[in-house]
Amino acid sequence: MSIGSFTMPVPWLDSFNGFMCVILGPIMSALWIKLEKSKRGDLNITQKMALGFVLLAVGFVFMIFAVLQRGGSADPAIKASVIWVLLFYVLQTTGEMCFSPIGNSMVNRLAPPKYASVLMGVWFLSTFAANKLAGYGQAFIDKLGPLQVFIAIPVALIANA
């Protein structure tokens, strides 16, 4: 994968999400603090999570562009620009920052003190369940093709927002 004359090793893409979490964490924290102090006030939990879903959906739109750049081909020799993947990761991480820590805070605030620890475990268990379901979703990807999947995911995300 090359950007200009620089060739980026493929394993770096695995680290990009973590890198973006480190970069975007303080930025998102400053944004929430600034919103809280503004005259309009902070977004509520539902609005922040909906914003996260919209950002995730826009990230998947970039993956649609990547598939279109490849001409919809299933041939692994035809590559799309790494820029699409990097843009996807930036929006994915930003969206994640809108609902993961917000969800932790929500559970901590709304759970009765007696059940706070158990319900926090349930919150994290939901991530496990979602990842398990995503594994089963791989069968649909193989049947439908990447373009249809990358269209269906943002539609589902916007419908849930």
N, C-alpha and C. Protein backbone atom coordinates (compact mmCIF):
# COMPACT_ATOMS: atom_id res chain seq x y z
N MET A 1 0.84 -1.16 0.00
CA MET A 1 0.00 0.00 0.00
C MET A 1 0.90 1.23 0.00
N SER A 2 0.71 2.06 -0.99
CA SER A 2 1.57 3.22 -1.14
C SER A 2 0.78 4.52 -1.04
N ILE A 3 1.36 5.46 -0.36
CA ILE A 3 0.86 6.83 -0.34
C ILE A 3 2.03 7.67 -0.85
N GLY A 4 1.93 8.11 -2.08
CA GLY A 4 3.06 8.79 -2.71
C GLY A 4 4.20 7.82 -2.88
N SER A 5 5.39 8.20 -2.39
CA SER A 5 6.54 7.30 -2.50
C SER A 5 6.69 6.41 -1.26
N PHE A 6 5.83 6.62 -0.26
CA PHE A 6 5.90 5.84 0.97
C PHE A 6 5.03 4.59 0.84
N THR A 7 5.61 3.44 1.12
CA THR A 7 4.85 2.19 1.11
C THR A 7 4.51 1.82 2.55
N MET A 8 3.23 1.77 2.83
CA MET A 8 2.76 1.47 4.17
C MET A 8 2.57 -0.04 4.31
N PRO A 9 3.20 -0.64 5.33
CA PRO A 9 2.99 -2.07 5.55
C PRO A 9 1.52 -2.34 5.91
N VAL A 10 0.96 -3.40 5.40
CA VAL A 10 -0.44 -3.74 5.63
C VAL A 10 -0.77 -3.88 7.12
N PRO A 11 0.09 -4.49 7.95
CA PRO A 11 -0.25 -4.61 9.38
C PRO A 11 -0.48 -3.27 10.08
N TRP A 12 0.01 -2.18 9.52
CA TRP A 12 -0.23 -0.88 10.14
C TRP A 12 -1.71 -0.55 10.18
N LEU A 13 -2.47 -1.06 9.23
CA LEU A 13 -3.91 -0.79 9.22
C LEU A 13 -4.58 -1.36 10.47
N ASP A 14 -4.07 -2.48 10.98
CA ASP A 14 -4.62 -3.04 12.21
C ASP A 14 -4.42 -2.12 13.40
N SER A 15 -3.36 -1.34 13.37
CA SER A 15 -3.04 -0.44 14.47
C SER A 15 -3.70 0.93 14.33
N PHE A 16 -4.24 1.23 13.17
CA PHE A 16 -4.75 2.57 12.91
C PHE A 16 -5.94 2.91 13.82
N ASN A 17 -6.82 1.95 14.08
CA ASN A 17 -7.97 2.22 14.96
C ASN A 17 -7.49 2.60 16.36
N GLY A 18 -6.54 1.84 16.91
CA GLY A 18 -6.00 2.17 18.22
C GLY A 18 -5.32 3.53 18.24
N PHE A 19 -4.57 3.81 17.17
CA PHE A 19 -3.92 5.11 17.04
C PHE A 19 -4.95 6.23 17.03
N MET A 20 -6.03 6.03 16.28
CA MET A 20 -7.08 7.05 16.21
C MET A 20 -7.79 7.21 17.56
N CYS A 21 -7.93 6.13 18.32
CA CYS A 21 -8.52 6.23 19.67
C CYS A 21 -7.67 7.14 20.55
N VAL A 22 -6.36 6.98 20.48
CA VAL A 22 -5.45 7.80 21.28
C VAL A 22 -5.54 9.26 20.84
N ILE A 23 -5.60 9.50 19.54
CA ILE A 23 -5.66 10.87 19.02
C ILE A 23 -7.04 11.50 19.29
N LEU A 24 -8.10 10.75 19.00
CA LEU A 24 -9.45 11.33 19.08
C LEU A 24 -10.02 11.38 20.50
N GLY A 25 -9.51 10.56 21.41
CA GLY A 25 -10.02 10.54 22.78
C GLY A 25 -10.03 11.93 23.42
N PRO A 26 -8.87 12.60 23.49
CA PRO A 26 -8.87 13.94 24.09
C PRO A 26 -9.69 14.96 23.29
N ILE A 27 -9.72 14.80 21.97
CA ILE A 27 -10.49 15.73 21.13
C ILE A 27 -11.98 15.58 21.43
N MET A 28 -12.46 14.35 21.48
CA MET A 28 -13.89 14.12 21.76
C MET A 28 -14.24 14.56 23.18
N SER A 29 -13.34 14.31 24.12
CA SER A 29 -13.57 14.75 25.50
C SER A 29 -13.70 16.27 25.56
N ALA A 30 -12.80 16.97 24.87
CA ALA A 30 -12.86 18.44 24.84
C ALA A 30 -14.16 18.91 24.17
N LEU A 31 -14.59 18.20 23.13
CA LEU A 31 -15.84 18.56 22.45
C LEU A 31 -17.04 18.42 23.39
N TRP A 32 -17.11 17.31 24.13
CA TRP A 32 -18.24 17.11 25.04
C TRP A 32 -18.22 18.17 26.14
N ILE A 33 -17.03 18.51 26.64
CA ILE A 33 -16.92 19.54 27.69
C ILE A 33 -17.35 20.90 27.15
N LYS A 34 -16.91 21.22 25.93
CA LYS A 34 -17.28 22.50 25.31
C LYS A 34 -18.79 22.57 25.09
N LEU A 35 -19.39 21.47 24.62
CA LEU A 35 -20.84 21.45 24.42
C LEU A 35 -21.58 21.62 25.74
N GLU A 36 -21.07 20.99 26.78
CA GLU A 36 -21.72 21.07 28.09
C GLU A 36 -21.73 22.50 28.62
N LYS A 37 -20.67 23.25 28.32
CA LYS A 37 -20.56 24.62 28.81
C LYS A 37 -21.23 25.64 27.90
N SER A 38 -21.66 25.22 26.71
CA SER A 38 -22.27 26.16 25.77
C SER A 38 -23.68 26.54 26.24
N LYS A 39 -24.20 27.62 25.66
CA LYS A 39 -25.55 28.08 26.02
C LYS A 39 -26.60 27.04 25.66
N ARG A 40 -26.39 26.37 24.54
CA ARG A 40 -27.35 25.36 24.08
C ARG A 40 -27.34 24.13 24.98
N GLY A 41 -26.20 23.85 25.56
CA GLY A 41 -26.09 22.70 26.45
C GLY A 41 -25.59 21.47 25.73
N ASP A 42 -25.28 20.48 26.51
CA ASP A 42 -24.74 19.22 25.99
C ASP A 42 -25.81 18.42 25.27
N LEU A 43 -25.38 17.55 24.39
CA LEU A 43 -26.30 16.59 23.77
C LEU A 43 -26.68 15.55 24.82
N ASN A 44 -27.88 15.03 24.73
CA ASN A 44 -28.24 13.97 25.66
C ASN A 44 -27.66 12.64 25.17
N ILE A 45 -27.80 11.62 25.98
CA ILE A 45 -27.20 10.31 25.67
C ILE A 45 -27.71 9.78 24.34
N THR A 46 -29.00 9.88 24.11
CA THR A 46 -29.59 9.38 22.87
C THR A 46 -29.03 10.11 21.66
N GLN A 47 -28.89 11.42 21.76
CA GLN A 47 -28.36 12.21 20.64
C GLN A 47 -26.91 11.84 20.34
N LYS A 48 -26.11 11.63 21.38
CA LYS A 48 -24.71 11.26 21.18
C LYS A 48 -24.61 9.89 20.52
N MET A 49 -25.44 8.95 20.96
CA MET A 49 -25.40 7.62 20.36
C MET A 49 -25.90 7.66 18.92
N ALA A 50 -26.93 8.45 18.65
CA ALA A 50 -27.42 8.59 17.27
C ALA A 50 -26.34 9.21 16.39
N LEU A 51 -25.62 10.19 16.91
CA LEU A 51 -24.51 10.79 16.16
C LEU A 51 -23.46 9.73 15.85
N GLY A 52 -23.19 8.86 16.81
CA GLY A 52 -22.25 7.76 16.58
C GLY A 52 -22.70 6.85 15.45
N PHE A 53 -23.97 6.51 15.42
CA PHE A 53 -24.50 5.66 14.34
C PHE A 53 -24.38 6.35 12.99
N VAL A 54 -24.66 7.65 12.95
CA VAL A 54 -24.56 8.38 11.68
C VAL A 54 -23.11 8.41 11.20
N LEU A 55 -22.17 8.64 12.12
CA LEU A 55 -20.75 8.64 11.73
C LEU A 55 -20.32 7.27 11.22
N LEU A 56 -20.78 6.21 11.87
CA LEU A 56 -20.48 4.86 11.39
C LEU A 56 -21.05 4.65 9.99
N ALA A 57 -22.26 5.12 9.77
CA ALA A 57 -22.90 4.98 8.46
C ALA A 57 -22.10 5.70 7.38
N VAL A 58 -21.65 6.92 7.67
CA VAL A 58 -20.86 7.67 6.70
C VAL A 58 -19.54 6.94 6.43
N GLY A 59 -18.96 6.33 7.45
CA GLY A 59 -17.74 5.54 7.25
C GLY A 59 -17.96 4.41 6.27
N PHE A 60 -19.09 3.74 6.38
CA PHE A 60 -19.38 2.65 5.45
C PHE A 60 -19.65 3.16 4.04
N VAL A 61 -20.09 4.39 3.91
CA VAL A 61 -20.26 4.98 2.57
C VAL A 61 -18.90 5.06 1.88
N PHE A 62 -17.84 5.36 2.64
CA PHE A 62 -16.50 5.36 2.06
C PHE A 62 -16.11 3.97 1.56
N MET A 63 -16.57 2.94 2.25
CA MET A 63 -16.29 1.58 1.78
C MET A 63 -17.04 1.28 0.49
N ILE A 64 -18.21 1.88 0.31
CA ILE A 64 -18.93 1.75 -0.97
C ILE A 64 -18.07 2.33 -2.09
N PHE A 65 -17.46 3.50 -1.83
CA PHE A 65 -16.59 4.11 -2.84
C PHE A 65 -15.39 3.21 -3.14
N ALA A 66 -14.86 2.53 -2.11
CA ALA A 66 -13.74 1.62 -2.33
C ALA A 66 -14.15 0.47 -3.25
N VAL A 67 -15.34 -0.09 -3.01
CA VAL A 67 -15.83 -1.18 -3.86
C VAL A 67 -16.05 -0.68 -5.28
N LEU A 68 -16.62 0.51 -5.41
CA LEU A 68 -16.85 1.07 -6.75
C LEU A 68 -15.54 1.34 -7.48
N GLN A 69 -14.51 1.77 -6.74
CA GLN A 69 -13.21 2.00 -7.35
C GLN A 69 -12.64 0.70 -7.91
N ARG A 70 -12.94 -0.40 -7.25
CA ARG A 70 -12.48 -1.70 -7.72
C ARG A 70 -13.36 -2.23 -8.85
N GLY A 71 -14.40 -1.50 -9.19
CA GLY A 71 -15.30 -1.95 -10.24
C GLY A 71 -16.22 -3.07 -9.80
N GLY A 72 -16.39 -3.22 -8.49
CA GLY A 72 -17.24 -4.28 -7.96
C GLY A 72 -16.65 -5.67 -8.14
N SER A 73 -15.39 -5.73 -8.53
CA SER A 73 -14.75 -7.02 -8.81
C SER A 73 -14.44 -7.78 -7.52
N ALA A 74 -14.56 -9.08 -7.59
CA ALA A 74 -14.18 -9.94 -6.47
C ALA A 74 -12.73 -10.37 -6.59
N ASP A 75 -12.06 -9.96 -7.66
CA ASP A 75 -10.67 -10.33 -7.90
C ASP A 75 -9.77 -9.62 -6.88
N PRO A 76 -9.07 -10.38 -6.01
CA PRO A 76 -8.23 -9.74 -4.99
C PRO A 76 -7.03 -8.99 -5.58
N ALA A 77 -6.72 -9.22 -6.84
CA ALA A 77 -5.61 -8.50 -7.47
C ALA A 77 -5.96 -7.05 -7.75
N ILE A 78 -7.26 -6.73 -7.82
CA ILE A 78 -7.69 -5.36 -8.06
C ILE A 78 -7.84 -4.67 -6.71
N LYS A 79 -7.05 -3.64 -6.50
CA LYS A 79 -7.01 -2.97 -5.19
C LYS A 79 -7.71 -1.62 -5.25
N ALA A 80 -8.24 -1.21 -4.12
CA ALA A 80 -8.79 0.14 -3.95
C ALA A 80 -7.75 0.96 -3.20
N SER A 81 -7.90 2.25 -3.23
CA SER A 81 -6.98 3.13 -2.52
C SER A 81 -7.09 2.93 -1.01
N VAL A 82 -5.96 2.97 -0.35
CA VAL A 82 -5.94 2.84 1.11
C VAL A 82 -6.61 4.04 1.78
N ILE A 83 -6.73 5.13 1.07
CA ILE A 83 -7.38 6.32 1.63
C ILE A 83 -8.81 6.00 2.06
N TRP A 84 -9.53 5.18 1.27
CA TRP A 84 -10.91 4.82 1.64
C TRP A 84 -10.93 4.10 2.98
N VAL A 85 -9.98 3.20 3.19
CA VAL A 85 -9.93 2.44 4.44
C VAL A 85 -9.58 3.37 5.60
N LEU A 86 -8.64 4.28 5.38
CA LEU A 86 -8.25 5.21 6.44
C LEU A 86 -9.41 6.14 6.81
N LEU A 87 -10.13 6.64 5.81
CA LEU A 87 -11.30 7.48 6.09
C LEU A 87 -12.37 6.69 6.84
N PHE A 88 -12.54 5.43 6.44
CA PHE A 88 -13.48 4.55 7.14
C PHE A 88 -13.10 4.43 8.61
N TYR A 89 -11.82 4.17 8.87
CA TYR A 89 -11.37 4.01 10.26
C TYR A 89 -11.53 5.29 11.07
N VAL A 90 -11.26 6.45 10.47
CA VAL A 90 -11.42 7.71 11.19
C VAL A 90 -12.88 7.88 11.62
N LEU A 91 -13.80 7.65 10.70
CA LEU A 91 -15.22 7.81 11.05
C LEU A 91 -15.70 6.70 11.98
N GLN A 92 -15.19 5.50 11.79
CA GLN A 92 -15.53 4.37 12.66
C GLN A 92 -15.11 4.68 14.10
N THR A 93 -13.89 5.16 14.25
CA THR A 93 -13.39 5.47 15.59
C THR A 93 -14.13 6.64 16.21
N THR A 94 -14.41 7.67 15.41
CA THR A 94 -15.15 8.82 15.93
C THR A 94 -16.56 8.39 16.36
N GLY A 95 -17.20 7.56 15.54
CA GLY A 95 -18.52 7.05 15.91
C GLY A 95 -18.46 6.21 17.18
N GLU A 96 -17.41 5.40 17.28
CA GLU A 96 -17.24 4.58 18.48
C GLU A 96 -17.09 5.45 19.72
N MET A 97 -16.40 6.57 19.57
CA MET A 97 -16.21 7.50 20.69
C MET A 97 -17.53 8.16 21.10
N CYS A 98 -18.51 8.14 20.22
CA CYS A 98 -19.81 8.74 20.53
C CYS A 98 -20.72 7.78 21.28
N PHE A 99 -20.46 6.48 21.21
CA PHE A 99 -21.37 5.61 21.95
C PHE A 99 -20.71 4.66 22.94
N SER A 100 -19.46 4.31 22.79
CA SER A 100 -18.86 3.38 23.74
C SER A 100 -18.67 4.01 25.12
N PRO A 101 -17.93 5.11 25.25
CA PRO A 101 -17.81 5.71 26.58
C PRO A 101 -19.13 6.31 27.08
N ILE A 102 -19.96 6.75 26.14
CA ILE A 102 -21.26 7.30 26.52
C ILE A 102 -22.13 6.18 27.11
N GLY A 103 -22.06 5.00 26.51
CA GLY A 103 -22.80 3.85 27.03
C GLY A 103 -22.32 3.45 28.42
N ASN A 104 -21.00 3.47 28.61
CA ASN A 104 -20.46 3.16 29.94
C ASN A 104 -21.00 4.15 30.97
N SER A 105 -20.99 5.42 30.62
CA SER A 105 -21.49 6.46 31.51
C SER A 105 -22.99 6.28 31.78
N MET A 106 -23.73 5.94 30.73
CA MET A 106 -25.18 5.75 30.86
C MET A 106 -25.49 4.62 31.85
N VAL A 107 -24.80 3.50 31.68
CA VAL A 107 -25.04 2.37 32.58
C VAL A 107 -24.69 2.77 34.01
N ASN A 108 -23.57 3.45 34.17
CA ASN A 108 -23.13 3.87 35.50
C ASN A 108 -24.12 4.84 36.15
N ARG A 109 -24.69 5.74 35.35
CA ARG A 109 -25.63 6.75 35.88
C ARG A 109 -27.02 6.18 36.16
N LEU A 110 -27.51 5.33 35.27
CA LEU A 110 -28.90 4.90 35.35
C LEU A 110 -29.12 3.62 36.15
N ALA A 111 -28.07 2.82 36.31
CA ALA A 111 -28.23 1.55 37.02
C ALA A 111 -28.38 1.80 38.52
N PRO A 112 -29.26 1.04 39.16
CA PRO A 112 -29.32 1.13 40.62
C PRO A 112 -27.95 0.72 41.19
N PRO A 113 -27.48 1.41 42.21
CA PRO A 113 -26.14 1.12 42.74
C PRO A 113 -25.91 -0.36 43.06
N LYS A 114 -26.95 -1.02 43.50
CA LYS A 114 -26.82 -2.43 43.87
C LYS A 114 -26.48 -3.30 42.65
N TYR A 115 -26.94 -2.89 41.45
CA TYR A 115 -26.75 -3.70 40.25
C TYR A 115 -25.78 -3.08 39.24
N ALA A 116 -25.11 -1.99 39.62
CA ALA A 116 -24.26 -1.26 38.67
C ALA A 116 -23.18 -2.16 38.06
N SER A 117 -22.51 -2.94 38.87
CA SER A 117 -21.43 -3.80 38.36
C SER A 117 -21.96 -4.87 37.42
N VAL A 118 -23.06 -5.48 37.79
CA VAL A 118 -23.65 -6.52 36.95
C VAL A 118 -24.11 -5.94 35.62
N LEU A 119 -24.76 -4.78 35.67
CA LEU A 119 -25.25 -4.17 34.43
C LEU A 119 -24.11 -3.66 33.56
N MET A 120 -23.00 -3.25 34.16
CA MET A 120 -21.83 -2.88 33.36
C MET A 120 -21.30 -4.12 32.65
N GLY A 121 -21.33 -5.25 33.32
CA GLY A 121 -20.94 -6.50 32.67
C GLY A 121 -21.87 -6.85 31.53
N VAL A 122 -23.17 -6.61 31.70
CA VAL A 122 -24.14 -6.86 30.63
C VAL A 122 -23.85 -5.94 29.44
N TRP A 123 -23.48 -4.68 29.72
CA TRP A 123 -23.14 -3.74 28.65
C TRP A 123 -21.97 -4.30 27.82
N PHE A 124 -20.93 -4.79 28.51
CA PHE A 124 -19.78 -5.34 27.79
C PHE A 124 -20.13 -6.67 27.12
N LEU A 125 -21.02 -7.43 27.72
CA LEU A 125 -21.46 -8.69 27.12
C LEU A 125 -22.19 -8.43 25.80
N SER A 126 -22.85 -7.29 25.70
CA SER A 126 -23.54 -6.97 24.44
C SER A 126 -22.55 -6.80 23.29
N THR A 127 -21.34 -6.31 23.59
CA THR A 127 -20.30 -6.21 22.56
C THR A 127 -19.89 -7.60 22.10
N PHE A 128 -19.73 -8.51 23.05
CA PHE A 128 -19.41 -9.89 22.70
C PHE A 128 -20.49 -10.47 21.79
N ALA A 129 -21.75 -10.28 22.16
CA ALA A 129 -22.86 -10.83 21.38
C ALA A 129 -22.88 -10.23 19.98
N ALA A 130 -22.63 -8.93 19.88
CA ALA A 130 -22.62 -8.28 18.56
C ALA A 130 -21.49 -8.82 17.69
N ASN A 131 -20.33 -9.04 18.29
CA ASN A 131 -19.21 -9.60 17.52
C ASN A 131 -19.50 -11.03 17.09
N LYS A 132 -20.15 -11.79 17.93
CA LYS A 132 -20.52 -13.17 17.58
C LYS A 132 -21.51 -13.16 16.41
N LEU A 133 -22.51 -12.28 16.48
CA LEU A 133 -23.48 -12.17 15.38
C LEU A 133 -22.81 -11.71 14.09
N ALA A 134 -21.83 -10.83 14.21
CA ALA A 134 -21.11 -10.37 13.02
C ALA A 134 -20.40 -11.53 12.34
N GLY A 135 -19.92 -12.47 13.12
CA GLY A 135 -19.29 -13.66 12.53
C GLY A 135 -20.27 -14.46 11.71
N TYR A 136 -21.50 -14.59 12.20
CA TYR A 136 -22.52 -15.29 11.43
C TYR A 136 -22.92 -14.49 10.19
N GLY A 137 -22.79 -13.18 10.27
CA GLY A 137 -23.11 -12.33 9.12
C GLY A 137 -22.17 -12.51 7.95
N GLN A 138 -21.02 -13.11 8.19
CA GLN A 138 -20.06 -13.35 7.11
C GLN A 138 -20.68 -14.17 5.99
N ALA A 139 -21.58 -15.06 6.31
CA ALA A 139 -22.24 -15.88 5.28
C ALA A 139 -23.02 -14.99 4.32
N PHE A 140 -23.63 -13.92 4.84
CA PHE A 140 -24.36 -13.00 3.96
C PHE A 140 -23.42 -12.21 3.06
N ILE A 141 -22.27 -11.87 3.59
CA ILE A 141 -21.29 -11.13 2.78
C ILE A 141 -20.87 -11.98 1.59
N ASP A 142 -20.62 -13.24 1.84
CA ASP A 142 -20.21 -14.13 0.74
C ASP A 142 -21.31 -14.28 -0.30
N LYS A 143 -22.57 -14.30 0.13
CA LYS A 143 -23.68 -14.48 -0.81
C LYS A 143 -24.05 -13.19 -1.54
N LEU A 144 -24.08 -12.08 -0.82
CA LEU A 144 -24.53 -10.82 -1.40
C LEU A 144 -23.46 -10.08 -2.18
N GLY A 145 -22.26 -10.11 -1.70
CA GLY A 145 -21.18 -9.33 -2.30
C GLY A 145 -20.93 -8.07 -1.50
N PRO A 146 -19.72 -7.52 -1.61
CA PRO A 146 -19.35 -6.39 -0.77
C PRO A 146 -20.18 -5.13 -1.01
N LEU A 147 -20.55 -4.84 -2.25
CA LEU A 147 -21.29 -3.61 -2.52
C LEU A 147 -22.65 -3.63 -1.81
N GLN A 148 -23.37 -4.72 -1.91
CA GLN A 148 -24.68 -4.82 -1.27
C GLN A 148 -24.55 -4.74 0.26
N VAL A 149 -23.51 -5.36 0.79
CA VAL A 149 -23.31 -5.33 2.25
C VAL A 149 -22.98 -3.92 2.71
N PHE A 150 -22.09 -3.24 1.97
CA PHE A 150 -21.70 -1.89 2.36
C PHE A 150 -22.80 -0.87 2.11
N ILE A 151 -23.81 -1.24 1.38
CA ILE A 151 -25.01 -0.40 1.25
C ILE A 151 -25.98 -0.71 2.39
N ALA A 152 -26.13 -1.99 2.72
CA ALA A 152 -27.08 -2.40 3.76
C ALA A 152 -26.68 -1.91 5.15
N ILE A 153 -25.39 -1.93 5.45
CA ILE A 153 -24.95 -1.55 6.80
C ILE A 153 -25.28 -0.09 7.12
N PRO A 154 -24.93 0.89 6.25
CA PRO A 154 -25.31 2.26 6.61
C PRO A 154 -26.81 2.49 6.65
N VAL A 155 -27.55 1.78 5.81
CA VAL A 155 -29.01 1.91 5.85
C VAL A 155 -29.52 1.44 7.22
N ALA A 156 -29.00 0.31 7.69
CA ALA A 156 -29.41 -0.20 9.01
C ALA A 156 -28.99 0.74 10.13
N LEU A 157 -27.79 1.31 10.02
CA LEU A 157 -27.32 2.23 11.05
C LEU A 157 -28.18 3.49 11.11
N ILE A 158 -28.51 4.05 9.96
CA ILE A 158 -29.35 5.26 9.93
C ILE A 158 -30.75 4.93 10.45
N ALA A 159 -31.26 3.74 10.12
CA ALA A 159 -32.58 3.34 10.61
C ALA A 159 -32.58 3.23 12.14
N ASN A 160 -31.45 2.81 12.71
CA ASN A 160 -31.34 2.70 14.17
C ASN A 160 -31.05 4.02 14.85
N ALA A 161 -30.52 4.97 14.10
CA ALA A 161 -30.19 6.28 14.70
C ALA A 161 -31.49 6.98 15.05
